[in-house]
Protein backbone atom coordinates (compact mmCIF):
# COMPACT_ATOMS: atom_id res chain seq x y z
CA UNK A 1 102.31 100.78 102.18
CA UNK A 2 105.51 99.35 100.80
CA UNK A 3 107.56 100.71 97.89
CA UNK A 4 106.18 98.11 95.45
CA UNK A 5 102.58 99.13 96.19
CA UNK A 6 103.50 102.80 95.87
CA UNK A 7 105.07 102.14 92.46
CA UNK A 8 102.04 100.17 91.24
CA UNK A 9 99.64 102.91 92.33
CA UNK A 10 101.76 105.63 90.73
CA UNK A 11 101.88 103.66 87.46
CA UNK A 12 98.10 103.19 87.62
CA UNK A 13 97.58 106.90 88.25
CA UNK A 14 99.89 107.87 85.39
CA UNK A 15 98.01 105.54 83.02
CA UNK A 16 94.67 107.28 83.63
CA UNK A 17 93.32 109.45 80.81
CA UNK A 18 94.12 113.15 81.27
CA UNK A 19 90.45 114.04 81.66
CA UNK A 20 90.18 111.73 84.68
CA UNK A 21 93.40 112.99 86.29
CA UNK A 22 92.34 116.61 85.78
CA UNK A 23 89.00 115.87 87.44
CA UNK A 24 90.60 114.72 90.68
CA UNK A 25 91.09 117.10 93.55
CA UNK A 26 94.53 117.16 95.20
CA UNK A 27 93.00 115.25 98.13
CA UNK A 28 91.55 112.58 95.81
CA UNK A 29 94.90 112.19 94.05
CA UNK A 30 96.59 111.67 97.42
CA UNK A 31 93.94 109.10 98.39
CA UNK A 32 94.35 107.32 95.04
CA UNK A 33 98.06 107.01 95.68
CA UNK A 34 98.11 106.20 99.40
CA UNK A 35 94.76 105.42 101.03
CA UNK A 36 93.83 101.96 102.27
CA UNK A 37 90.18 102.74 101.48
CA UNK A 38 88.79 105.17 98.94
CA UNK A 39 85.78 107.41 99.57
CA UNK A 40 82.66 106.87 97.47
CA UNK A 41 83.39 110.04 95.48
CA UNK A 42 86.67 108.61 94.23
CA UNK A 43 85.06 105.28 93.36
CA UNK A 44 82.43 107.17 91.36
CA UNK A 45 85.10 108.98 89.32
CA UNK A 46 87.01 105.72 88.72
CA UNK A 47 83.94 103.56 88.06
CA UNK A 48 84.75 102.72 84.44
CA UNK A 49 88.30 101.66 85.39
CA UNK A 50 87.48 99.46 88.38
CA UNK A 51 87.18 95.74 87.82
CA UNK A 52 84.78 94.22 90.34
CA UNK A 53 85.54 90.71 91.53
């Protein structure tokens, strides 16, 4: 992942409501910021923020 992608993901993470951020495990936070693919559990927690194409 390049620096631009890292910055975009960090900005996205920081813009999440506190209740969502607090509900993430340290592993899920790391996956949010760096993973190529998210596990279903993370998608479930982010469901209302994901725009499906």
